[in-house]
Amino acid sequence: MVRSTTPFDLVFRAQRLIGPQGGTSGSVGIRDGRIAAVEPLDAELQATRIVELADDEVLLPGLVDTHVHVNDPGRTEWEGFETATRAAAAGGVTTIVDMPLNSLPPTVDTDALEIKRKTARDKAHVDIGFWGGAIPGKLDELRGLHEAGVFGFKCFLLHSGVDEFPPLDSAQLDTALRELAGFDAMMIVHAEDSDAIDEAPTPHGEDYGDFLASRPKGAENVAIAQVIELARRIGARVHILHLASSDALPLIASARAEGVRVTVETCPHYLSFTAEEIPDGATQFKCCPPIREAANRELLWKALADGTIDCIVSDHSPCTPDLKRFDTGDFGVAWGGVSSLQLGLSAIWTQARQRGYDLSDVVTWMARKPAELAGMRSKGSIAVGNDADLCVFAPDDAFVVDVAKLEHRNPVSAYHGRPLAGVVRETWLRGTQIAGDGADTSQLHGKLLTRGEV
């Protein structure tokens, strides 16, 4: 038995917790917002406050979501830092990294980054980091943004959906990757090939099959091959966003085996839904790349298990209800994006447990690996020295999603009406409760994060 005579600010006692080595029981001592001790359950840790988890609860590290479109400033009616970070906290997410587009201005230079930071500063219920953007005409801004603390840079290889964030062509991507390789920054890529999509059928109408045909797997595969080849030639760090095509998995695995520095993410909607089940006109399911067939989904799950896919993040990309075009159900003109920031943990646990995976796997995919991707050494695991970011999760509880009860701004989600396993009961950020019964949500506890300081 371990006895501590120095009191902690807070101690959690849990019959079940997910630590770096997997599931166990234990006591977690917190001091000054950091984890100061992880000891056996019977350790006599003294504290000002002791939180005893119920028998049906598991203590998890707070999730890290590195793919969130907050759209603030400029399109705050789509989302906003206030509502997005409330949704994150409610879903057990304690750290988000905001995407550089859909806000106005986009985060493509240091002036825009400062505008973004000022906008977020007084609205942060969770910790927030920022990606920079790589667009034509702004590639000379990359080093300045890097020095200002962004976690990496995003680019598109086809139209992004908003005119103020244009794509890079092949020569520009080459130039950008060479620049980033000079200071070892990472490029995160929306990898769909514009020529392949131009040659595909034009999406229109209510039939989801027609929309799926307009964004073929080949568009992803060709673009990913191009990114990998440039990364191999230049020695750059690249990350493939929101992988939906299982056909690209052998290429990615082969590149990794050859030492190419490529990482990959996928999203809850690609692991939860299938093209076969999406009703006509159900544009809440529209996203790019699209949700694909059931067999494709199962191959994505296998790639998570074998490590070809590194992590799961939300790609929370909301909009106002009118932009989803529920009036016509036309997939060709509706905005593409799935709102799921609050639901990712439960959505993934629902599917993972059916396939024999445990909560340790989910924590690896949704907390530890995203933190590693962004270089956040103090996030993503219950370990001494890390920020005391924690989630109290009831894996055997369940609920039915009701968009009216979600915290993000607009009541639209592909998960509405869907039963999910696992309920987030409490979320804690650096030892302060930010969601769940007893949390004081009127106070802001989130910080703005800078690369290298986390």
Protein backbone atom coordinates (compact mmCIF):
# COMPACT_ATOMS: atom_id res chain seq x y z
CA MET A 1 0.00 0.00 0.00
CA VAL A 2 1.21 3.47 -0.90
CA ARG A 3 0.74 6.28 1.61
CA SER A 4 1.12 9.96 0.70
CA THR A 5 1.45 12.58 3.44
CA THR A 6 1.37 15.50 0.99
CA PRO A 7 -2.27 16.26 0.17
CA PHE A 8 -3.43 16.48 -3.42
CA ASP A 9 -5.98 18.96 -4.68
CA LEU A 10 -8.13 16.13 -5.98
CA VAL A 11 -8.04 12.33 -6.05
CA PHE A 12 -10.06 10.03 -8.32
CA ARG A 13 -10.65 6.47 -7.16
CA ALA A 14 -11.76 4.14 -9.93
CA GLN A 15 -12.43 0.43 -10.00
CA ARG A 16 -11.75 0.77 -13.73
CA LEU A 17 -9.49 3.23 -15.50
CA ILE A 18 -7.68 3.18 -18.84
CA GLY A 19 -4.01 3.95 -18.35
CA PRO A 20 -1.08 3.80 -20.76
CA GLN A 21 -0.82 0.03 -20.28
CA GLY A 22 -4.54 -0.60 -20.63
CA GLY A 23 -7.37 -1.26 -18.23
CA THR A 24 -6.74 -1.41 -14.49
CA SER A 25 -8.03 -0.01 -11.22
CA GLY A 26 -6.36 2.87 -9.49
CA SER A 27 -6.18 6.18 -7.68
CA VAL A 28 -5.20 9.32 -9.57
CA GLY A 29 -3.83 12.25 -7.60
CA ILE A 30 -4.03 15.75 -9.09
CA ARG A 31 -2.08 18.81 -8.06
CA ASP A 32 -2.05 22.22 -9.77
CA GLY A 33 -4.03 20.90 -12.73
CA ARG A 34 -1.66 18.04 -13.50
CA ILE A 35 -1.60 14.34 -12.74
CA ALA A 36 0.85 13.99 -9.87
CA ALA A 37 0.31 10.32 -8.98
CA VAL A 38 -1.20 7.18 -10.48
CA GLU A 39 -1.30 4.54 -7.75
CA PRO A 40 -3.17 1.35 -6.85
CA LEU A 41 -6.77 1.70 -5.75
CA ASP A 42 -5.89 1.08 -2.09
CA ALA A 43 -3.20 3.77 -1.99
CA GLU A 44 -3.85 6.20 0.85
CA LEU A 45 -3.75 9.42 -1.12
CA GLN A 46 -4.92 12.41 0.88
CA ALA A 47 -6.79 15.18 -0.91
CA THR A 48 -8.99 18.21 -0.43
CA ARG A 49 -11.60 16.39 -2.51
CA ILE A 50 -11.98 12.72 -3.37
CA VAL A 51 -14.13 11.58 -6.31
CA GLU A 52 -15.24 7.95 -6.11
CA LEU A 53 -16.37 6.57 -9.45
CA ALA A 54 -19.47 4.37 -9.46
CA ASP A 55 -19.07 0.68 -10.19
CA ASP A 56 -20.43 1.14 -13.72
CA GLU A 57 -18.05 4.02 -14.58
CA VAL A 58 -14.60 4.01 -16.17
CA LEU A 59 -12.03 6.81 -15.91
CA LEU A 60 -10.64 7.73 -19.33
CA PRO A 61 -8.23 10.43 -20.46
CA GLY A 62 -9.95 13.38 -22.07
CA LEU A 63 -10.26 12.90 -25.82
CA VAL A 64 -8.22 14.93 -28.30
CA ASP A 65 -10.04 15.90 -31.52
CA THR A 66 -7.64 17.30 -34.08
CA HIS A 67 -10.23 17.88 -36.83
CA VAL A 68 -12.89 20.43 -35.91
CA HIS A 69 -14.39 23.17 -38.07
CA VAL A 70 -15.47 25.90 -35.65
CA ASN A 71 -16.12 28.48 -38.42
CA ASP A 72 -15.53 31.42 -36.08
CA PRO A 73 -15.24 34.33 -36.84
CA GLY A 74 -17.14 35.04 -40.03
CA ARG A 75 -19.52 32.07 -40.13
CA THR A 76 -20.41 31.92 -36.46
CA GLU A 77 -24.02 31.19 -37.38
CA TRP A 78 -22.69 27.81 -38.55
CA GLU A 79 -21.02 27.07 -35.21
CA GLY A 80 -18.69 29.19 -33.02
CA PHE A 81 -16.17 28.57 -30.24
CA GLU A 82 -18.77 28.94 -27.47
CA THR A 83 -21.05 26.21 -28.78
CA ALA A 84 -18.35 23.96 -30.24
CA THR A 85 -16.35 23.79 -27.03
CA ARG A 86 -19.50 23.16 -24.96
CA ALA A 87 -20.29 20.25 -27.28
CA ALA A 88 -16.74 18.96 -26.99
CA ALA A 89 -16.87 19.04 -23.18
CA ALA A 90 -20.22 17.24 -23.15
CA GLY A 91 -18.69 14.49 -25.28
CA GLY A 92 -15.58 13.91 -23.17
CA VAL A 93 -13.33 15.91 -25.53
CA THR A 94 -10.95 18.18 -23.62
CA THR A 95 -8.78 19.40 -26.51
CA ILE A 96 -9.68 20.40 -30.06
CA VAL A 97 -7.60 21.68 -32.96
CA ASP A 98 -9.49 24.10 -35.18
CA MET A 99 -9.32 23.88 -38.96
CA PRO A 100 -8.12 26.97 -40.90
CA LEU A 101 -11.08 27.28 -43.27
CA ASN A 102 -14.76 28.18 -43.14
CA SER A 103 -13.89 31.06 -40.82
CA LEU A 104 -13.41 34.53 -42.28
CA PRO A 105 -10.60 35.25 -42.69
CA PRO A 106 -9.12 31.76 -43.12
CA THR A 107 -6.04 31.07 -41.01
CA VAL A 108 -3.48 31.56 -43.78
CA ASP A 109 -1.26 34.24 -42.24
CA THR A 110 -0.29 35.45 -38.79
CA ASP A 111 -2.78 38.33 -38.82
CA ALA A 112 -5.63 35.89 -39.41
CA LEU A 113 -4.29 33.58 -36.68
CA GLU A 114 -4.33 36.47 -34.22
CA ILE A 115 -7.93 37.29 -35.18
CA LYS A 116 -8.84 33.64 -34.62
CA ARG A 117 -7.10 33.54 -31.24
CA LYS A 118 -8.79 36.76 -30.08
CA THR A 119 -12.15 35.37 -31.13
CA ALA A 120 -11.61 32.09 -29.26
CA ARG A 121 -9.98 33.49 -26.12
CA ASP A 122 -13.16 34.31 -24.21
CA LYS A 123 -15.22 31.38 -25.48
CA ALA A 124 -13.08 28.34 -24.63
CA HIS A 125 -14.69 25.64 -22.51
CA VAL A 126 -11.93 23.22 -23.59
CA ASP A 127 -8.35 23.70 -24.77
CA ILE A 128 -7.99 24.89 -28.38
CA GLY A 129 -5.12 24.64 -30.83
CA PHE A 130 -5.04 25.85 -34.42
CA TRP A 131 -3.99 24.51 -37.81
CA GLY A 132 -2.63 26.90 -40.40
CA GLY A 133 -3.68 26.88 -44.04
CA ALA A 134 -1.60 26.38 -47.19
CA ILE A 135 -3.17 28.06 -50.22
CA PRO A 136 -1.86 29.57 -53.47
CA GLY A 137 -0.34 33.01 -53.00
CA LYS A 138 0.25 32.48 -49.28
CA LEU A 139 3.01 29.87 -49.21
CA ASP A 140 5.49 32.49 -48.04
CA GLU A 141 3.43 32.77 -44.84
CA LEU A 142 4.03 29.16 -43.75
CA ARG A 143 7.15 29.75 -41.68
CA GLY A 144 5.64 32.72 -39.89
CA LEU A 145 2.57 30.71 -38.95
CA HIS A 146 4.79 27.86 -37.78
CA GLU A 147 6.77 30.21 -35.57
CA ALA A 148 3.49 31.62 -34.22
CA GLY A 149 2.57 28.15 -32.95
CA VAL A 150 0.16 26.43 -35.33
CA PHE A 151 0.26 22.65 -35.14
CA GLY A 152 0.71 22.11 -38.87
CA PHE A 153 -0.85 23.09 -42.19
CA LYS A 154 -3.89 22.03 -44.14
CA CYS A 155 -4.32 21.99 -47.89
CA PHE A 156 -6.89 20.79 -50.40
CA LEU A 157 -6.21 19.16 -53.77
CA LEU A 158 -9.63 20.19 -55.12
CA HIS A 159 -12.17 22.93 -54.43
CA SER A 160 -12.63 23.20 -50.67
CA GLY A 161 -16.25 24.30 -50.80
CA VAL A 162 -15.38 27.93 -50.00
CA ASP A 163 -13.71 30.21 -52.52
CA GLU A 164 -11.40 31.93 -50.02
CA PHE A 165 -9.50 28.67 -49.41
CA PRO A 166 -8.43 27.48 -52.90
CA PRO A 167 -6.61 24.20 -53.56
CA LEU A 168 -2.96 23.61 -54.35
CA ASP A 169 -2.04 22.17 -57.73
CA SER A 170 0.76 19.60 -58.05
CA ALA A 171 3.56 22.16 -58.40
CA GLN A 172 2.28 24.22 -55.49
CA LEU A 173 1.98 21.14 -53.29
CA ASP A 174 5.58 20.26 -54.14
CA THR A 175 6.70 23.79 -53.22
CA ALA A 176 4.74 23.79 -49.97
CA LEU A 177 6.06 20.39 -48.87
CA ARG A 178 9.64 21.45 -49.56
CA GLU A 179 9.10 24.58 -47.47
CA LEU A 180 7.57 22.62 -44.58
CA ALA A 181 10.29 19.98 -44.69
CA GLY A 182 12.79 22.76 -43.98
CA PHE A 183 11.39 23.18 -40.47
CA ASP A 184 9.84 19.70 -40.11
CA ALA A 185 6.23 20.86 -40.06
CA MET A 186 3.39 18.57 -41.05
CA MET A 187 1.01 18.99 -43.98
CA ILE A 188 -2.48 17.58 -43.45
CA VAL A 189 -4.22 16.91 -46.75
CA HIS A 190 -7.79 16.66 -47.97
CA ALA A 191 -6.85 14.02 -50.52
CA GLU A 192 -9.33 13.79 -53.38
CA ASP A 193 -8.18 14.29 -56.97
CA SER A 194 -9.98 17.08 -58.80
CA ASP A 195 -9.55 15.54 -62.27
CA ALA A 196 -11.02 12.22 -61.14
CA ILE A 197 -14.05 13.99 -59.68
CA ASP A 198 -14.45 16.17 -62.77
CA GLU A 199 -14.67 12.99 -64.85
CA ALA A 200 -17.19 11.35 -62.49
CA PRO A 201 -20.97 11.75 -62.85
CA THR A 202 -22.35 15.06 -61.66
CA PRO A 203 -24.20 14.75 -58.32
CA HIS A 204 -27.83 15.81 -58.32
CA GLY A 205 -31.11 14.86 -56.75
CA GLU A 206 -32.16 12.81 -53.76
CA ASP A 207 -30.49 9.48 -54.61
CA TYR A 208 -27.50 8.87 -52.35
CA GLY A 209 -26.09 6.37 -54.85
CA ASP A 210 -25.74 9.13 -57.42
CA PHE A 211 -23.84 11.30 -54.94
CA LEU A 212 -21.59 8.37 -54.01
CA ALA A 213 -20.76 7.81 -57.68
CA SER A 214 -19.74 11.47 -57.96
CA ARG A 215 -16.96 11.02 -55.35
CA PRO A 216 -15.43 7.65 -56.34
CA LYS A 217 -12.80 5.79 -54.38
CA GLY A 218 -10.41 6.39 -57.24
CA ALA A 219 -10.39 10.12 -56.49
CA GLU A 220 -9.05 9.39 -53.02
CA ASN A 221 -6.64 6.72 -54.19
CA VAL A 222 -5.00 8.88 -56.88
CA ALA A 223 -4.62 11.85 -54.55
CA ILE A 224 -3.18 9.76 -51.73
CA ALA A 225 -0.69 8.19 -54.13
CA GLN A 226 0.43 11.67 -55.22
CA VAL A 227 0.86 12.86 -51.63
CA ILE A 228 2.82 9.75 -50.67
CA GLU A 229 5.11 10.03 -53.66
CA LEU A 230 5.93 13.65 -52.89
CA ALA A 231 6.48 12.84 -49.21
CA ARG A 232 8.84 10.03 -50.21
CA ARG A 233 10.80 12.22 -52.60
CA ILE A 234 11.03 15.26 -50.32
CA GLY A 235 11.16 13.60 -46.92
CA ALA A 236 8.17 15.62 -45.74
CA ARG A 237 5.69 14.76 -42.99
CA VAL A 238 2.17 14.27 -44.34
CA HIS A 239 -1.15 13.28 -42.83
CA ILE A 240 -4.17 12.00 -44.76
CA LEU A 241 -7.40 13.48 -43.48
CA HIS A 242 -10.74 11.64 -43.12
CA LEU A 243 -9.84 8.47 -45.04
CA ALA A 244 -12.95 6.86 -46.50
CA SER A 245 -11.54 4.62 -49.26
CA SER A 246 -10.38 1.19 -48.09
CA ASP A 247 -8.70 0.72 -51.49
CA ALA A 248 -5.93 3.11 -50.40
CA LEU A 249 -4.95 1.04 -47.35
CA PRO A 250 -2.38 -1.24 -49.06
CA LEU A 251 -0.67 1.80 -50.60
CA ILE A 252 -0.47 3.49 -47.21
CA ALA A 253 0.83 0.37 -45.48
CA SER A 254 3.48 -0.12 -48.16
CA ALA A 255 4.64 3.49 -47.90
CA ARG A 256 4.93 3.18 -44.14
CA ALA A 257 7.01 0.03 -44.48
CA GLU A 258 9.36 1.96 -46.78
CA GLY A 259 9.81 4.70 -44.18
CA VAL A 260 7.58 7.37 -45.72
CA ARG A 261 6.36 9.68 -42.95
CA VAL A 262 2.63 9.39 -43.52
CA THR A 263 -0.12 9.15 -40.92
CA VAL A 264 -3.84 8.63 -41.44
CA GLU A 265 -7.12 9.39 -39.72
CA THR A 266 -10.69 8.33 -40.24
CA CYS A 267 -13.93 9.53 -38.68
CA PRO A 268 -16.86 8.13 -36.68
CA HIS A 269 -19.29 8.50 -39.57
CA TYR A 270 -17.20 6.29 -41.85
CA LEU A 271 -17.06 3.66 -39.09
CA SER A 272 -20.73 3.91 -38.10
CA PHE A 273 -22.85 4.35 -41.21
CA THR A 274 -23.02 2.60 -44.57
CA ALA A 275 -24.08 3.85 -47.99
CA GLU A 276 -26.70 1.12 -48.23
CA GLU A 277 -28.67 2.49 -45.27
CA ILE A 278 -28.75 6.20 -46.18
CA PRO A 279 -32.29 7.19 -47.24
CA ASP A 280 -33.10 9.28 -50.28
CA GLY A 281 -32.81 12.99 -49.54
CA ALA A 282 -31.10 12.47 -46.16
CA THR A 283 -28.52 15.20 -46.73
CA GLN A 284 -27.48 15.19 -43.06
CA PHE A 285 -25.29 12.25 -44.15
CA LYS A 286 -23.55 14.18 -46.92
CA CYS A 287 -19.80 14.61 -46.41
CA CYS A 288 -16.73 14.59 -48.62
CA PRO A 289 -15.28 12.07 -49.15
CA PRO A 290 -18.58 10.22 -48.79
CA ILE A 291 -19.74 7.47 -46.48
CA ARG A 292 -19.13 4.29 -48.44
CA GLU A 293 -20.42 0.72 -48.52
CA ALA A 294 -20.59 -1.76 -45.61
CA ALA A 295 -17.67 -3.88 -46.88
CA ASN A 296 -15.53 -0.74 -47.10
CA ARG A 297 -16.43 0.14 -43.49
CA GLU A 298 -15.26 -3.23 -42.20
CA LEU A 299 -11.89 -2.83 -43.91
CA LEU A 300 -11.45 0.55 -42.21
CA TRP A 301 -12.05 -1.13 -38.86
CA LYS A 302 -9.44 -3.77 -39.65
CA ALA A 303 -6.97 -1.04 -40.62
CA LEU A 304 -7.46 0.59 -37.22
CA ALA A 305 -6.73 -2.71 -35.54
CA ASP A 306 -3.52 -3.32 -37.49
CA GLY A 307 -2.32 0.29 -37.17
CA THR A 308 -2.57 1.34 -40.81
CA ILE A 309 -5.05 4.00 -39.68
CA ASP A 310 -3.66 5.91 -36.71
CA CYS A 311 -6.60 7.70 -35.16
CA ILE A 312 -10.27 8.65 -35.18
CA VAL A 313 -11.33 12.32 -35.15
CA SER A 314 -14.67 13.94 -35.79
CA ASP A 315 -14.32 16.20 -38.85
CA HIS A 316 -17.12 18.13 -37.19
CA SER A 317 -18.26 20.32 -40.11
CA PRO A 318 -21.58 21.96 -39.26
CA CYS A 319 -23.69 24.51 -41.10
CA THR A 320 -27.07 26.16 -40.78
CA PRO A 321 -30.05 23.87 -41.53
CA ASP A 322 -30.95 25.70 -44.74
CA LEU A 323 -27.57 24.84 -46.27
CA LYS A 324 -28.37 21.14 -45.91
CA ARG A 325 -31.25 21.72 -48.37
CA PHE A 326 -33.78 19.59 -46.56
CA ASP A 327 -36.38 21.38 -48.68
CA THR A 328 -35.22 19.52 -51.80
CA GLY A 329 -33.03 16.72 -50.43
CA ASP A 330 -30.59 17.42 -53.25
CA PHE A 331 -27.19 15.91 -52.44
CA GLY A 332 -25.62 17.86 -55.27
CA VAL A 333 -26.18 21.27 -53.71
CA ALA A 334 -26.36 20.53 -49.96
CA TRP A 335 -23.40 21.48 -47.76
CA GLY A 336 -21.19 18.49 -46.99
CA GLY A 337 -20.35 17.83 -43.36
CA VAL A 338 -21.41 15.69 -40.39
CA SER A 339 -21.95 17.27 -36.97
CA SER A 340 -20.71 14.84 -34.34
CA LEU A 341 -18.31 16.57 -31.94
CA GLN A 342 -20.35 15.61 -28.88
CA LEU A 343 -21.08 12.05 -30.04
CA GLY A 344 -17.80 10.57 -31.24
CA LEU A 345 -16.91 8.55 -28.14
CA SER A 346 -20.32 6.90 -27.86
CA ALA A 347 -20.58 6.35 -31.62
CA ILE A 348 -17.21 4.61 -31.78
CA TRP A 349 -17.75 2.60 -28.60
CA THR A 350 -21.10 1.37 -29.99
CA GLN A 351 -19.36 -0.04 -33.06
CA ALA A 352 -16.08 -1.10 -31.42
CA ARG A 353 -17.65 -3.30 -28.75
CA GLN A 354 -19.64 -5.16 -31.44
CA ARG A 355 -16.34 -6.08 -33.10
CA GLY A 356 -14.54 -7.23 -29.96
CA TYR A 357 -12.46 -4.12 -29.29
CA ASP A 358 -12.22 -2.69 -25.78
CA LEU A 359 -12.03 0.77 -24.27
CA SER A 360 -8.23 0.68 -24.33
CA ASP A 361 -8.42 0.52 -28.13
CA VAL A 362 -10.86 3.43 -28.26
CA VAL A 363 -8.64 5.53 -25.99
CA THR A 364 -5.64 4.79 -28.21
CA TRP A 365 -7.51 5.88 -31.33
CA MET A 366 -9.31 8.92 -29.88
CA ALA A 367 -6.97 10.28 -27.20
CA ARG A 368 -3.39 9.04 -27.28
CA LYS A 369 -2.82 8.88 -31.03
CA PRO A 370 -4.40 12.26 -31.90
CA ALA A 371 -2.32 13.86 -29.13
CA GLU A 372 0.81 12.27 -30.57
CA LEU A 373 -0.15 13.41 -34.07
CA ALA A 374 -0.31 17.03 -32.92
CA GLY A 375 2.80 16.74 -30.75
CA MET A 376 0.86 17.31 -27.51
CA ARG A 377 3.05 15.54 -25.00
CA SER A 378 0.90 16.44 -21.98
CA LYS A 379 -2.40 15.23 -23.42
CA GLY A 380 -4.08 11.95 -24.28
CA SER A 381 -3.22 9.59 -21.41
CA ILE A 382 -3.57 9.18 -17.67
CA ALA A 383 0.10 9.50 -16.81
CA VAL A 384 2.12 11.41 -14.25
CA GLY A 385 3.01 14.88 -15.52
CA ASN A 386 0.15 15.10 -17.99
CA ASP A 387 -2.67 17.60 -17.78
CA ALA A 388 -5.47 16.26 -15.56
CA ASP A 389 -7.91 16.00 -18.48
CA LEU A 390 -10.33 13.19 -17.66
CA CYS A 391 -13.61 11.68 -18.75
CA VAL A 392 -15.97 9.66 -16.55
CA PHE A 393 -17.65 7.22 -18.94
CA ALA A 394 -20.42 4.68 -18.34
CA PRO A 395 -19.84 2.12 -21.11
CA ASP A 396 -22.91 -0.01 -20.38
CA ASP A 397 -25.35 2.88 -20.22
CA ALA A 398 -27.14 3.94 -23.42
CA PHE A 399 -29.17 6.74 -24.96
CA VAL A 400 -30.96 7.75 -28.14
CA VAL A 401 -29.54 10.82 -29.86
CA ASP A 402 -31.82 13.84 -29.84
CA VAL A 403 -30.43 16.82 -31.74
CA ALA A 404 -32.39 19.18 -29.51
CA LYS A 405 -30.23 18.08 -26.59
CA LEU A 406 -26.85 18.52 -28.31
CA GLU A 407 -24.67 21.51 -27.51
CA HIS A 408 -23.49 22.44 -31.00
CA ARG A 409 -25.23 25.46 -32.50
CA ASN A 410 -27.59 24.00 -35.10
CA PRO A 411 -29.92 21.02 -34.50
CA VAL A 412 -28.68 18.88 -37.38
CA SER A 413 -26.87 15.55 -37.06
CA ALA A 414 -26.74 12.27 -38.96
CA TYR A 415 -26.95 10.55 -35.57
CA HIS A 416 -30.39 11.90 -34.66
CA GLY A 417 -32.65 9.06 -33.49
CA ARG A 418 -29.78 6.58 -33.35
CA PRO A 419 -29.30 4.50 -30.17
CA LEU A 420 -25.72 4.68 -28.87
CA ALA A 421 -23.90 2.77 -26.15
CA GLY A 422 -21.88 4.61 -23.52
CA VAL A 423 -22.64 7.86 -21.73
CA VAL A 424 -20.20 10.61 -20.80
CA ARG A 425 -21.18 11.53 -17.23
CA GLU A 426 -18.43 13.99 -16.37
CA THR A 427 -15.56 15.77 -18.12
CA TRP A 428 -12.63 17.37 -16.27
CA LEU A 429 -10.09 19.81 -17.69
CA ARG A 430 -6.87 20.21 -15.68
CA GLY A 431 -8.68 19.01 -12.58
CA THR A 432 -11.76 21.22 -12.97
CA GLN A 433 -15.12 19.72 -13.86
CA ILE A 434 -16.41 21.26 -17.09
CA ALA A 435 -19.37 18.98 -17.95
CA GLY A 436 -21.81 16.74 -16.12
CA ASP A 437 -23.79 17.08 -12.90
CA GLY A 438 -22.09 19.54 -10.59
CA ALA A 439 -20.07 21.33 -13.28
CA ASP A 440 -20.08 25.10 -13.32
CA THR A 441 -20.43 25.67 -17.06
CA SER A 442 -20.76 29.42 -16.60
CA GLN A 443 -16.99 29.60 -16.10
CA LEU A 444 -14.40 29.28 -18.88
CA HIS A 445 -11.47 26.98 -18.20
CA GLY A 446 -10.07 26.31 -21.68
CA LYS A 447 -6.71 27.62 -22.84
CA LEU A 448 -5.37 28.53 -26.27
CA LEU A 449 -2.59 26.11 -27.13
CA THR A 450 0.66 26.79 -28.94
CA ARG A 451 2.71 24.10 -30.61
CA GLY A 452 5.67 23.10 -28.45
CA GLU A 453 4.14 24.33 -25.20
CA VAL A 454 1.67 21.47 -24.62
